[in-house]
C-alpha atoms as a PDB file:
ATOM      1  CA  MET A   1      68.585  81.780 103.819  1.00  0.00           C
ATOM      2  CA  ILE A   2      66.281  79.483 105.742  1.00  0.00           C
ATOM      3  CA  ILE A   3      67.270  76.511 103.566  1.00  0.00           C
ATOM      4  CA  ALA A   4      70.965  77.341 103.955  1.00  0.00           C
ATOM      5  CA  ALA A   5      70.616  77.571 107.711  1.00  0.00           C
ATOM      6  CA  GLU A   6      68.940  74.168 107.896  1.00  0.00           C
ATOM      7  CA  SER A   7      71.590  72.322 105.870  1.00  0.00           C
ATOM      8  CA  GLY A   8      74.705  71.478 107.833  1.00  0.00           C
ATOM      9  CA  GLY A   9      77.238  71.152 104.938  1.00  0.00           C
ATOM     10  CA  SER A  10      76.534  74.465 103.215  1.00  0.00           C
ATOM     11  CA  GLY A  11      80.040  75.835 103.884  1.00  0.00           C
ATOM     12  CA  ALA A  12      81.719  73.143 101.812  1.00  0.00           C
ATOM     13  CA  PHE A  13      79.180  73.548  98.989  1.00  0.00           C
ATOM     14  CA  ASN A  14      79.668  77.326  98.889  1.00  0.00           C
ATOM     15  CA  LEU A  15      83.438  76.890  98.787  1.00  0.00           C
ATOM     16  CA  LEU A  16      83.147  74.406  95.923  1.00  0.00           C
ATOM     17  CA  LEU A  17      80.843  76.772  94.035  1.00  0.00           C
ATOM     18  CA  LEU A  18      83.257  79.638  94.614  1.00  0.00           C
ATOM     19  CA  LEU A  19      86.095  77.600  93.105  1.00  0.00           C
ATOM     20  CA  ALA A  20      84.018  76.205  90.231  1.00  0.00           C
ATOM     21  CA  ILE A  21      83.016  79.577  88.751  1.00  0.00           C
ATOM     22  CA  PRO A  22      86.584  80.663  87.834  1.00  0.00           C
ATOM     23  CA  LEU A  23      87.262  77.224  86.351  1.00  0.00           C
ATOM     24  CA  VAL A  24      84.183  77.489  84.136  1.00  0.00           C
ATOM     25  CA  PHE A  25      85.252  80.946  82.970  1.00  0.00           C
ATOM     26  CA  TYR A  26      88.753  79.673  82.211  1.00  0.00           C
ATOM     27  CA  PHE A  27      87.613  76.699  80.118  1.00  0.00           C
ATOM     28  CA  LEU A  28      84.764  78.487  78.325  1.00  0.00           C
ATOM     29  CA  LEU A  29      86.214  81.944  77.729  1.00  0.00           C
ATOM     30  CA  ILE A  30      89.900  82.443  78.436  1.00  0.00           C
ATOM     31  CA  ARG A  31      91.389  79.231  77.020  1.00  0.00           C
ATOM     32  CA  PRO A  32      89.598  79.366  73.612  1.00  0.00           C
ATOM     33  CA  GLN A  33      90.484  83.051  73.243  1.00  0.00           C
ATOM     34  CA  ASN A  34      94.169  82.340  73.913  1.00  0.00           C
ATOM     35  CA  LYS A  35      94.078  79.513  71.373  1.00  0.00           C
ATOM     36  CA  ARG A  36      92.582  81.788  68.686  1.00  0.00           C
ATOM     37  CA  ARG A  37      95.159  84.488  69.437  1.00  0.00           C
ATOM     38  CA  LYS A  38      98.037  81.983  69.054  1.00  0.00           C
ATOM     39  CA  GLU A  39      96.615  80.735  65.742  1.00  0.00           C
ATOM     40  CA  GLN A  40      96.274  84.321  64.469  1.00  0.00           C
ATOM     41  CA  LEU A  41      99.873  85.168  65.442  1.00  0.00           C
ATOM     42  CA  GLN A  42     101.138  81.994  63.775  1.00  0.00           C
ATOM     43  CA  MET A  43      99.199  82.792  60.595  1.00  0.00           C
ATOM     44  CA  GLU A  44     100.604  86.349  60.564  1.00  0.00           C
ATOM     45  CA  SER A  45     104.166  85.120  60.995  1.00  0.00           C
ATOM     46  CA  ASN A  46     103.757  82.527  58.189  1.00  0.00           C
ATOM     47  CA  LEU A  47     102.502  85.005  55.555  1.00  0.00           C
ATOM     48  CA  GLN A  48     104.404  84.551  52.299  1.00  0.00           C
ATOM     49  CA  PRO A  49     104.343  86.596  49.083  1.00  0.00           C
ATOM     50  CA  GLY A  50     101.922  85.136  46.553  1.00  0.00           C
ATOM     51  CA  ALA A  51      99.403  83.907  49.124  1.00  0.00           C
ATOM     52  CA  ARG A  52      95.721  84.784  48.671  1.00  0.00           C
ATOM     53  CA  VAL A  53      94.313  86.380  51.835  1.00  0.00           C
ATOM     54  CA  MET A  54      91.116  87.947  53.132  1.00  0.00           C
ATOM     55  CA  THR A  55      91.314  91.100  55.230  1.00  0.00           C
ATOM     56  CA  THR A  56      89.122  91.879  58.224  1.00  0.00           C
ATOM     57  CA  SER A  57      87.018  94.110  55.974  1.00  0.00           C
ATOM     58  CA  GLY A  58      86.306  91.172  53.639  1.00  0.00           C
ATOM     59  CA  MET A  59      88.626  92.261  50.839  1.00  0.00           C
ATOM     60  CA  ARG A  60      90.388  89.457  48.947  1.00  0.00           C
ATOM     61  CA  ALA A  61      93.947  90.200  47.894  1.00  0.00           C
ATOM     62  CA  THR A  62      97.314  88.713  47.020  1.00  0.00           C
ATOM     63  CA  VAL A  63     100.344  89.258  49.272  1.00  0.00           C
ATOM     64  CA  LEU A  64     103.152  91.057  47.431  1.00  0.00           C
ATOM     65  CA  SER A  65     105.623  91.621  50.268  1.00  0.00           C
ATOM     66  CA  VAL A  66     105.834  91.164  54.028  1.00  0.00           C
ATOM     67  CA  ASP A  67     107.600  93.506  56.474  1.00  0.00           C
ATOM     68  CA  ASP A  68     108.071  93.265  60.236  1.00  0.00           C
ATOM     69  CA  ASP A  69     104.674  94.731  61.106  1.00  0.00           C
ATOM     70  CA  GLY A  70     103.088  95.331  57.704  1.00  0.00           C
ATOM     71  CA  VAL A  71     102.137  93.670  54.488  1.00  0.00           C
ATOM     72  CA  VAL A  72     101.648  94.985  50.937  1.00  0.00           C
ATOM     73  CA  LEU A  73      98.577  93.544  49.227  1.00  0.00           C
ATOM     74  CA  GLU A  74      97.464  93.686  45.611  1.00  0.00           C
ATOM     75  CA  ILE A  75      93.675  94.070  45.609  1.00  0.00           C
ATOM     76  CA  ALA A  76      93.362  94.411  41.814  1.00  0.00           C
ATOM     77  CA  ASP A  77      95.745  94.362  38.868  1.00  0.00           C
ATOM     78  CA  GLY A  78      98.273  97.116  39.571  1.00  0.00           C
ATOM     79  CA  VAL A  79      96.549  98.351  42.772  1.00  0.00           C
ATOM     80  CA  GLU A  80      98.839  97.907  45.776  1.00  0.00           C
ATOM     81  CA  VAL A  81      97.805  98.746  49.336  1.00  0.00           C
ATOM     82  CA  SER A  82      99.756  98.599  52.614  1.00  0.00           C
ATOM     83  CA  PHE A  83      98.104  96.963  55.631  1.00  0.00           C
ATOM     84  CA  VAL A  84      99.233  96.020  59.102  1.00  0.00           C
ATOM     85  CA  LYS A  85      99.521  92.253  59.560  1.00  0.00           C
ATOM     86  CA  GLN A  86      96.628  92.241  62.030  1.00  0.00           C
ATOM     87  CA  ALA A  87      94.299  93.322  59.207  1.00  0.00           C
ATOM     88  CA  VAL A  88      94.724  89.926  57.534  1.00  0.00           C
ATOM     89  CA  MET A  89      91.889  87.753  58.819  1.00  0.00           C
ATOM     90  CA  ARG A  90      92.770  84.487  57.101  1.00  0.00           C
ATOM     91  CA  VAL A  91      94.768  82.904  54.322  1.00  0.00           C
ATOM     92  CA  LEU A  92      92.554  81.557  51.556  1.00  0.00           C
ATOM     93  CA  GLN A  93      93.236  78.147  50.097  1.00  0.00           C
ATOM     94  CA  ASP A  94      93.526  77.900  46.311  1.00  0.00           C
ATOM     95  CA  ASP A  95      90.080  76.300  45.881  1.00  0.00           C
ATOM     96  CA  GLU A  96      88.428  78.947  48.132  1.00  0.00           C
ATOM     97  CA  ALA A  97      90.013  81.839  46.228  1.00  0.00           C
ATOM     98  CA  GLU A  98      89.102  80.433  42.815  1.00  0.00           C
ATOM     99  CA  GLY A  99      85.568  79.542  43.917  1.00  0.00           C
ATOM    100  CA  ALA A 100      84.879  83.012  45.303  1.00  0.00           C
ATOM    101  CA  ASP A 101      86.197  84.702  42.164  1.00  0.00           C
ATOM    102  CA  ALA A 102      84.133  82.407  39.943  1.00  0.00           C
ATOM    103  CA  GLU A 103      80.967  83.138  41.939  1.00  0.00           C
ATOM    104  CA  GLU A 104      81.550  86.887  41.590  1.00  0.00           C
ATOM    105  CA  LEU A 105      82.064  86.533  37.837  1.00  0.00           C
ATOM    106  CA  ASP A 106      78.900  84.444  37.475  1.00  0.00           C
ATOM    107  CA  LEU A 107      76.868  87.077  39.311  1.00  0.00           C
ATOM    108  CA  ASP A 108      78.212  89.840  37.071  1.00  0.00           C
ATOM    109  CA  GLU A 109      77.441  87.865  33.910  1.00  0.00           C
ATOM    110  CA  ASP A 110      73.898  87.053  35.105  1.00  0.00           C
ATOM    111  CA  ASP A 111      73.149  90.743  35.686  1.00  0.00           C
ATOM    112  CA  ASP A 112      74.280  91.646  32.165  1.00  0.00           C
ATOM    113  CA  ASP A 113      72.238  88.810  30.639  1.00  0.00           C
ATOM    114  CA  ASP A 114      69.060  89.856  32.483  1.00  0.00           C
ATOM    115  CA  SER A 115      69.252  93.453  31.261  1.00  0.00           C
ATOM    116  CA  ALA A 116      69.997  92.310  27.699  1.00  0.00           C
ATOM    117  CA  ASP A 117      67.034  89.885  27.794  1.00  0.00           C
ATOM    118  CA  ALA A 118      64.702  92.613  29.032  1.00  0.00           C
ATOM    119  CA  GLU A 119      65.758  94.934  26.203  1.00  0.00           C
ATOM    120  CA  ARG A 120      65.268  92.209  23.584  1.00  0.00           C
ATOM    121  CA  ASP A 121      61.857  91.208  24.900  1.00  0.00           C
ATOM    122  CA  GLY A 122      60.612  94.776  24.796  1.00  0.00           C
ATOM    123  CA  ALA A 123      59.973  94.778  28.535  1.00  0.00           C
ATOM    124  CA  ALA A 124      61.501  98.231  28.888  1.00  0.00           C
ATOM    125  CA  VAL A 125      58.869 100.833  29.670  1.00  0.00           C
ATOM    126  CA  ASP A 126      58.973 104.368  28.356  1.00  0.00           C
ATOM    127  CA  LEU A 127      58.308 106.623  31.345  1.00  0.00           C
ATOM    128  CA  THR A 128      58.433 109.951  29.527  1.00  0.00           C
ATOM    129  CA  LYS A 129      55.324 112.085  29.801  1.00  0.00           C
ATOM    130  CA  ASP A 130      53.886 113.924  26.859  1.00  0.00           C
ATOM    131  CA  ASP A 131      52.211 117.060  28.286  1.00  0.00           C
ATOM    132  CA  ALA A 132      50.472 118.097  25.035  1.00  0.00           C
ATOM    133  CA  SER A 133      48.504 114.852  24.647  1.00  0.00           C
ATOM    134  CA  ASP A 134      47.432 114.890  28.311  1.00  0.00           C
ATOM    135  CA  ASP A 135      46.068 118.435  28.043  1.00  0.00           C
ATOM    136  CA  GLU A 136      44.028 117.540  24.952  1.00  0.00           C
ATOM    137  CA  ASP A 137      42.550 114.497  26.696  1.00  0.00           C
ATOM    138  CA  ASP A 138      41.583 116.595  29.724  1.00  0.00           C
ATOM    139  CA  GLU A 139      39.668 119.118  27.568  1.00  0.00           C
ATOM    140  CA  ASP A 140      37.635 116.346  25.921  1.00  0.00           C
ATOM    141  CA  GLU A 141      36.432 114.857  29.224  1.00  0.00           C
ATOM    142  CA  ALA A 142      33.307 116.170  30.852  1.00  0.00           C
ATOM    143  CA  PRO A 143      33.680 117.897  34.258  1.00  0.00           C
ATOM    144  CA  ALA A 144      31.621 115.147  35.932  1.00  0.00           C
ATOM    145  CA  ALA A 145      33.941 112.453  34.543  1.00  0.00           C
ATOM    146  CA  LYS A 146      36.984 114.369  35.826  1.00  0.00           C
ATOM    147  CA  ALA A 147      35.503 114.575  39.321  1.00  0.00           C
ATOM    148  CA  GLU A 148      34.633 110.858  39.236  1.00  0.00           C
ATOM    149  CA  ALA A 149      38.158 109.957  38.143  1.00  0.00           C
ATOM    150  CA  LYS A 150      39.679 112.016  40.965  1.00  0.00           C
ATOM    151  CA  THR A 151      37.487 110.446  43.649  1.00  0.00           C
ATOM    152  CA  GLY A 152      38.229 106.981  42.264  1.00  0.00           C
ATOM    153  CA  ALA A 153      41.961 107.688  42.417  1.00  0.00           C
ATOM    154  CA  LYS A 154      41.684 108.930  45.997  1.00  0.00           C
ATOM    155  CA  ALA A 155      39.723 105.835  47.017  1.00  0.00           C
ATOM    156  CA  GLY A 156      42.331 103.629  45.386  1.00  0.00           C
ATOM    157  CA  ARG A 157      45.110 105.369  47.307  1.00  0.00           C
ATOM    158  CA  LYS A 158      43.277 104.986  50.616  1.00  0.00           C
ATOM    159  CA  SER A 159      42.611 101.290  50.065  1.00  0.00           C
ATOM    160  CA  SER A 160      46.270 100.612  49.226  1.00  0.00           C
ATOM    161  CA  ASP A 161      47.431 102.406  52.401  1.00  0.00           C
END
């Protein structure tokens, strides 16, 4: 307040600042949002059957038919789903669609290969518990050894926590 009172041209500066704030909001927020909305509407109006698209939920599909406000998509062979046009986020180019499908297939094949390798290498562990053999082992141990084993197990649990 004291600084504003001392400066003589503060009225013009405040007026300029008051006009500059809406301009900044227009160029940084409103204009880019309008541009995105126009692009989305143009993309929705240019949807053609056979195009590969991605929905807002991330599902890739092929356009089967287009209505006034809806679109029928094929998400898998023989699986047809109806969506509103606004649910289509973007149209995928041919190289994007093929690349994404190839990556998914590679991931599936890698998972199968890893499990098959583990089975061949004998890395699978048998986690079944044989109660009869455990009871016999417990009877053979001396009571002092049992107590020592229990305290050692408790100490191990405390150190890992």
